[in-house]
Protein backbone atom coordinates (compact mmCIF):
# COMPACT_ATOMS: atom_id res chain seq x y z
CA UNK A 1 12.24 -14.37 9.36
CA UNK A 2 9.93 -11.38 8.65
CA UNK A 3 6.36 -12.21 7.76
CA UNK A 4 5.91 -12.26 3.95
CA UNK A 5 3.08 -10.24 2.68
CA UNK A 6 1.27 -9.04 -0.33
CA UNK A 7 2.04 -5.38 -0.69
CA UNK A 8 -0.14 -3.17 -2.92
CA UNK A 9 1.78 -0.11 -3.94
CA UNK A 10 0.58 3.30 -2.83
CA UNK A 11 -0.40 5.65 -5.60
CA UNK A 12 1.25 9.04 -5.14
CA UNK A 13 -0.83 11.97 -6.26
CA UNK A 14 0.41 14.25 -8.94
CA UNK A 15 -0.99 17.34 -10.72
CA UNK A 16 -1.05 18.34 -14.36
CA UNK A 17 0.99 21.34 -15.55
CA UNK A 18 -0.80 24.63 -16.10
CA UNK A 19 -2.09 25.00 -19.61
CA UNK A 20 -1.85 28.02 -21.90
CA UNK A 21 0.62 30.84 -22.49
CA UNK A 22 -0.10 34.61 -22.42
CA UNK A 23 -0.63 36.00 -25.93
CA UNK A 24 1.63 38.97 -26.71
CA UNK A 25 -0.13 42.05 -28.13
CA UNK A 26 1.20 44.77 -30.40
CA UNK A 27 -0.03 48.31 -31.11
CA UNK A 28 0.82 50.51 -34.09
CA UNK A 29 3.15 53.43 -33.37
CA UNK A 30 2.06 57.05 -33.92
CA UNK A 31 3.34 58.59 -37.17
CA UNK A 32 5.97 61.33 -36.68
CA UNK A 33 5.17 64.69 -38.35
CA UNK A 34 8.10 66.58 -39.96
CA UNK A 35 8.33 69.43 -42.43
CA UNK A 36 8.50 68.09 -45.99
CA UNK A 37 8.92 69.77 -49.34
CA UNK A 38 5.87 69.76 -51.56
CA UNK A 39 5.28 66.29 -53.02
CA UNK A 40 3.08 64.75 -55.57
CA UNK A 41 -0.25 63.56 -54.18
CA UNK A 42 0.03 60.00 -52.83
CA UNK A 43 -2.58 57.33 -53.40
CA UNK A 44 -4.75 56.62 -50.34
CA UNK A 45 -3.44 54.00 -47.88
CA UNK A 46 -5.29 50.73 -48.20
CA UNK A 47 -6.77 49.63 -44.90
CA UNK A 48 -5.75 46.13 -43.74
CA UNK A 49 -8.59 43.68 -43.26
CA UNK A 50 -9.71 43.48 -39.69
CA UNK A 51 -9.20 39.70 -39.34
CA UNK A 52 -5.51 39.42 -40.26
CA UNK A 53 -4.67 37.66 -36.99
CA UNK A 54 -7.23 34.87 -37.36
CA UNK A 55 -4.72 32.60 -39.04
CA UNK A 56 -2.56 32.65 -35.90
CA UNK A 57 -5.35 31.06 -33.91
CA UNK A 58 -6.21 28.34 -36.41
CA UNK A 59 -5.88 25.04 -34.48
CA UNK A 60 -3.22 22.59 -35.56
CA UNK A 61 -4.45 19.41 -37.22
CA UNK A 62 -5.39 16.87 -34.56
CA UNK A 63 -2.95 13.99 -34.07
CA UNK A 64 -4.77 10.73 -34.66
CA UNK A 65 -5.22 8.84 -31.36
CA UNK A 66 -3.07 5.79 -30.75
CA UNK A 67 -4.71 2.57 -31.84
CA UNK A 68 -5.95 0.91 -28.60
CA UNK A 69 -4.72 -2.50 -29.79
CA UNK A 70 -1.23 -1.11 -30.38
CA UNK A 71 -1.27 0.62 -27.00
CA UNK A 72 -2.19 -2.55 -25.10
CA UNK A 73 0.51 -4.51 -26.91
CA UNK A 74 3.06 -1.83 -26.06
CA UNK A 75 2.12 -1.95 -22.39
CA UNK A 76 2.44 -5.74 -22.23
CA UNK A 77 5.82 -5.63 -23.96
CA UNK A 78 7.02 -2.83 -21.69
CA UNK A 79 6.10 -4.77 -18.53
CA UNK A 80 7.70 -7.94 -19.89
CA UNK A 81 10.97 -6.13 -20.67
CA UNK A 82 11.19 -4.08 -17.47
CA UNK A 83 14.40 -4.80 -15.57
CA UNK A 84 13.82 -5.01 -11.83
CA UNK A 85 16.90 -6.97 -10.76
CA UNK A 86 17.88 -10.60 -10.33
CA UNK A 87 14.94 -11.71 -8.18
CA UNK A 88 12.10 -9.98 -10.04
CA UNK A 89 9.22 -10.96 -12.27
CA UNK A 90 6.17 -8.96 -13.33
CA UNK A 91 3.29 -9.71 -15.66
CA UNK A 92 0.37 -7.68 -16.91
CA UNK A 93 -2.66 -9.61 -15.68
CA UNK A 94 -5.44 -7.44 -17.14
CA UNK A 95 -5.92 -4.18 -18.97
CA UNK A 96 -8.40 -1.92 -20.68
CA UNK A 97 -7.87 1.38 -22.46
CA UNK A 98 -7.93 3.21 -19.11
CA UNK A 99 -6.85 0.61 -16.52
CA UNK A 100 -3.94 -1.78 -16.04
CA UNK A 101 -3.28 -4.47 -13.42
CA UNK A 102 0.21 -5.88 -12.81
CA UNK A 103 1.26 -8.70 -10.52
CA UNK A 104 4.77 -9.77 -9.65
CA UNK A 105 7.30 -11.51 -7.43
CA UNK A 106 10.29 -10.00 -5.64
CA UNK A 107 12.05 -9.98 -2.29
CA UNK A 108 11.37 -6.25 -1.84
CA UNK A 109 8.83 -3.63 -2.93
CA UNK A 110 11.31 -1.07 -4.29
CA UNK A 111 11.64 -2.42 -7.88
CA UNK A 112 7.86 -2.19 -8.25
CA UNK A 113 7.84 1.37 -6.97
CA UNK A 114 10.26 2.21 -9.77
CA UNK A 115 8.07 0.31 -12.24
CA UNK A 116 5.01 2.30 -11.16
CA UNK A 117 6.79 5.64 -11.68
CA UNK A 118 8.28 4.63 -15.03
CA UNK A 119 5.02 3.17 -16.32
CA UNK A 120 3.14 6.32 -15.38
CA UNK A 121 5.71 8.49 -17.16
CA UNK A 122 5.66 6.30 -20.26
CA UNK A 123 1.92 5.71 -20.68
CA UNK A 124 0.36 8.55 -18.61
CA UNK A 125 -1.64 5.96 -16.71
CA UNK A 126 -1.24 4.70 -13.15
CA UNK A 127 -1.31 0.88 -12.90
CA UNK A 128 -2.58 -1.21 -10.01
CA UNK A 129 0.40 -3.31 -8.88
CA UNK A 130 0.31 -6.21 -6.45
CA UNK A 131 3.68 -7.43 -5.18
CA UNK A 132 4.12 -10.98 -3.89
CA UNK A 133 7.06 -10.94 -1.50
CA UNK A 134 9.00 -14.21 -1.68
CA UNK A 135 12.09 -15.61 0.04
CA UNK A 136 15.54 -15.39 -1.53
CA UNK A 137 15.66 -19.19 -1.84
CA UNK A 138 12.63 -19.08 -4.15
CA UNK A 139 14.15 -16.59 -6.59
CA UNK A 140 14.99 -19.18 -9.25
CA UNK A 141 11.26 -19.22 -10.01
CA UNK A 142 11.42 -15.62 -11.28
CA UNK A 143 14.20 -16.54 -13.69
CA UNK A 144 12.18 -19.40 -15.22
CA UNK A 145 9.10 -17.19 -15.57
CA UNK A 146 11.09 -14.48 -17.36
CA UNK A 147 12.62 -17.00 -19.77
CA UNK A 148 9.30 -18.61 -20.71
CA UNK A 149 7.51 -15.24 -20.88
CA UNK A 150 9.54 -14.47 -24.00
CA UNK A 151 7.71 -17.22 -25.89
CA UNK A 152 4.56 -15.06 -25.80
CA UNK A 153 2.26 -18.08 -25.91
CA UNK A 154 -0.87 -18.48 -23.80
CA UNK A 155 -0.03 -19.47 -20.24
CA UNK A 156 -2.01 -22.09 -18.30
CA UNK A 157 -4.79 -20.62 -16.18
CA UNK A 158 -4.16 -21.47 -12.52
CA UNK A 159 -6.71 -20.35 -9.92
CA UNK A 160 -6.28 -20.87 -6.16
CA UNK A 161 -9.36 -20.99 -3.97
CA UNK A 162 -7.56 -18.93 -1.32
CA UNK A 163 -4.20 -17.25 -0.81
CA UNK A 164 -3.96 -17.73 2.97
CA UNK A 165 -3.94 -21.39 4.06
CA UNK A 166 -3.87 -22.54 7.70
CA UNK A 167 -1.20 -25.08 8.59
CA UNK A 168 -2.45 -28.58 7.77
CA UNK A 169 -5.34 -27.37 5.60
CA UNK A 170 -5.51 -28.16 1.87
CA UNK A 171 -4.51 -25.87 -0.96
CA UNK A 172 -7.18 -26.22 -3.63
CA UNK A 173 -8.07 -24.76 -7.00
CA UNK A 174 -8.35 -25.39 -10.73
CA UNK A 175 -5.99 -25.58 -13.70
CA UNK A 176 -7.11 -24.92 -17.26
CA UNK A 177 -4.99 -25.33 -20.41
CA UNK A 178 -5.59 -25.58 -24.14
CA UNK A 179 -6.47 -29.00 -25.52
CA UNK A 180 -3.60 -31.33 -26.37
CA UNK A 181 -1.12 -29.70 -23.99
CA UNK A 182 0.60 -31.36 -21.03
CA UNK A 183 1.26 -29.69 -17.67
CA UNK A 184 3.89 -30.31 -15.00
CA UNK A 185 2.80 -28.99 -11.58
CA UNK A 186 5.02 -28.40 -8.57
CA UNK A 187 5.04 -26.62 -5.22
CA UNK A 188 7.99 -24.39 -4.27
CA UNK A 189 8.12 -23.91 -0.50
CA UNK A 190 9.71 -21.05 1.49
CA UNK A 191 12.99 -22.98 1.75
CA UNK A 192 13.29 -23.16 -2.04
CA UNK A 193 12.45 -26.88 -2.17
CA UNK A 194 10.30 -28.18 -5.06
CA UNK A 195 7.69 -30.93 -4.64
CA UNK A 196 6.17 -32.76 -7.62
CA UNK A 197 2.36 -32.50 -7.57
CA UNK A 198 1.58 -34.19 -10.89
CA UNK A 199 -0.04 -37.22 -9.24
CA UNK A 200 -2.21 -34.97 -7.03
CA UNK A 201 -4.00 -33.31 -9.96
CA UNK A 202 -7.42 -34.71 -10.90
CA UNK A 203 -8.11 -34.31 -14.61
CA UNK A 204 -11.60 -33.61 -15.95
CA UNK A 205 -13.00 -32.91 -19.41
CA UNK A 206 -12.11 -29.23 -19.69
CA UNK A 207 -9.96 -28.58 -16.62
CA UNK A 208 -8.09 -30.16 -13.71
CA UNK A 209 -8.78 -29.83 -9.98
CA UNK A 210 -6.55 -30.22 -6.95
CA UNK A 211 -7.11 -30.37 -3.20
CA UNK A 212 -3.79 -31.04 -1.47
CA UNK A 213 -3.25 -30.95 2.33
CA UNK A 214 -0.08 -29.07 3.19
CA UNK A 215 1.70 -28.49 6.48
CA UNK A 216 4.78 -26.90 8.04
CA UNK A 217 7.66 -28.58 9.85
CA UNK A 218 7.96 -28.34 13.62
CA UNK A 219 10.45 -25.43 13.57
CA UNK A 220 8.40 -23.37 11.11
CA UNK A 221 5.22 -24.13 12.99
CA UNK A 222 6.77 -22.95 16.26
CA UNK A 223 7.73 -19.63 14.65
CA UNK A 224 4.03 -18.87 14.18
CA UNK A 225 4.55 -16.91 10.95
CA UNK A 226 2.84 -17.18 7.57
CA UNK A 227 5.40 -18.36 5.01
CA UNK A 228 5.39 -17.79 1.22
CA UNK A 229 4.61 -20.75 -1.04
CA UNK A 230 4.45 -20.87 -4.86
CA UNK A 231 2.52 -23.23 -7.12
CA UNK A 232 4.28 -23.43 -10.49
CA UNK A 233 2.79 -24.92 -13.66
CA UNK A 234 4.76 -25.46 -16.88
CA UNK A 235 2.74 -26.36 -19.98
CA UNK A 236 3.76 -27.52 -23.44
CA UNK A 237 3.23 -30.17 -26.11
CA UNK A 238 4.83 -32.89 -23.97
CA UNK A 239 6.19 -33.70 -20.53
CA UNK A 240 9.48 -32.15 -19.44
CA UNK A 241 11.71 -34.98 -18.30
CA UNK A 242 13.55 -32.82 -15.76
CA UNK A 243 10.19 -31.90 -14.20
CA UNK A 244 9.24 -35.53 -13.58
CA UNK A 245 11.23 -35.78 -10.36
CA UNK A 246 10.17 -37.91 -7.41
CA UNK A 247 12.08 -36.51 -4.43
CA UNK A 248 11.94 -32.97 -3.02
CA UNK A 249 14.60 -31.02 -4.91
CA UNK A 250 16.11 -27.52 -4.46
CA UNK A 251 14.86 -25.18 -7.19
CA UNK A 252 18.40 -23.87 -7.65
CA UNK A 253 19.21 -27.34 -8.96
CA UNK A 254 15.90 -28.24 -10.66
CA UNK A 255 14.78 -25.17 -12.59
CA UNK A 256 18.02 -24.53 -14.53
CA UNK A 257 17.75 -28.13 -15.82
CA UNK A 258 14.17 -27.49 -16.92
CA UNK A 259 15.17 -24.28 -18.70
CA UNK A 260 18.03 -26.09 -20.45
CA UNK A 261 15.76 -28.93 -21.60
CA UNK A 262 13.13 -26.54 -22.94
CA UNK A 263 15.77 -24.55 -24.81
CA UNK A 264 17.25 -27.66 -26.41
CA UNK A 265 13.84 -29.05 -27.39
CA UNK A 266 12.76 -26.00 -29.38
CA UNK A 267 9.05 -26.50 -28.58
CA UNK A 268 6.86 -23.73 -27.22
CA UNK A 269 6.34 -23.96 -23.46
CA UNK A 270 4.68 -21.50 -21.10
CA UNK A 271 4.40 -21.16 -17.34
CA UNK A 272 2.39 -19.53 -14.62
CA UNK A 273 2.89 -19.24 -10.86
CA UNK A 274 0.52 -18.43 -8.01
CA UNK A 275 1.45 -17.30 -4.52
CA UNK A 276 -0.11 -18.21 -1.19
CA UNK A 277 0.87 -18.00 2.48
CA UNK A 278 0.92 -21.03 4.71
CA UNK A 279 0.45 -20.98 8.49
CA UNK A 280 0.62 -17.96 10.71
């Protein structure tokens, strides 16, 4: 199995088109002299004002700049709706008027290369994109994240103390949610197996902590490679019954049940996922 990795996308350089067009010039033609019969005296020719061409150079009214709030909302919506394939999820993690950061999951970098090019064409801004390469057996996670992302409610804030964990060492961090909400926490390993971590979370007044030792099996340990792991948190007004499992369960079996239960309940749930590598 190739070593998973976090792959920041390269930013290809590009240049702006040349500005300005040459201005055509005209010159009056010389009058042609011919023999004419005697005529009545003509009134003198009135001379044109010297500044007749000024109106051509009057600048067009300036287009009002896009409202920054509208622009940021458009970017977030664009990232949320971008189609990168079956095993793909991307979220806009931070942005200002002049900078955007995007993070996502996929089994390959190519969909994010396309996202970078399309985003740059659409918004004339080059985003910073970090790709978390996961295993095919973990792909059901991306489907759940896309489904819950449509709710557009605040996601739980999950912070890992490190993203590279030696075999047998603990994975630690903090989880913060809004008051009154309940979280279900699980680990999705590189084989696509989910482990319930609810009883390993230590709740405090304004946040929850965790410090959970984690190790690889003998075969994975012998391979000597860092393997992708995902911590997944689903938050809502109450526990999800399908997420209160006790035995390790394949995500291909577990997560569709969770999605179905959330859809039938009608309540607003949100989710977040963080990636780390184990072993190696």
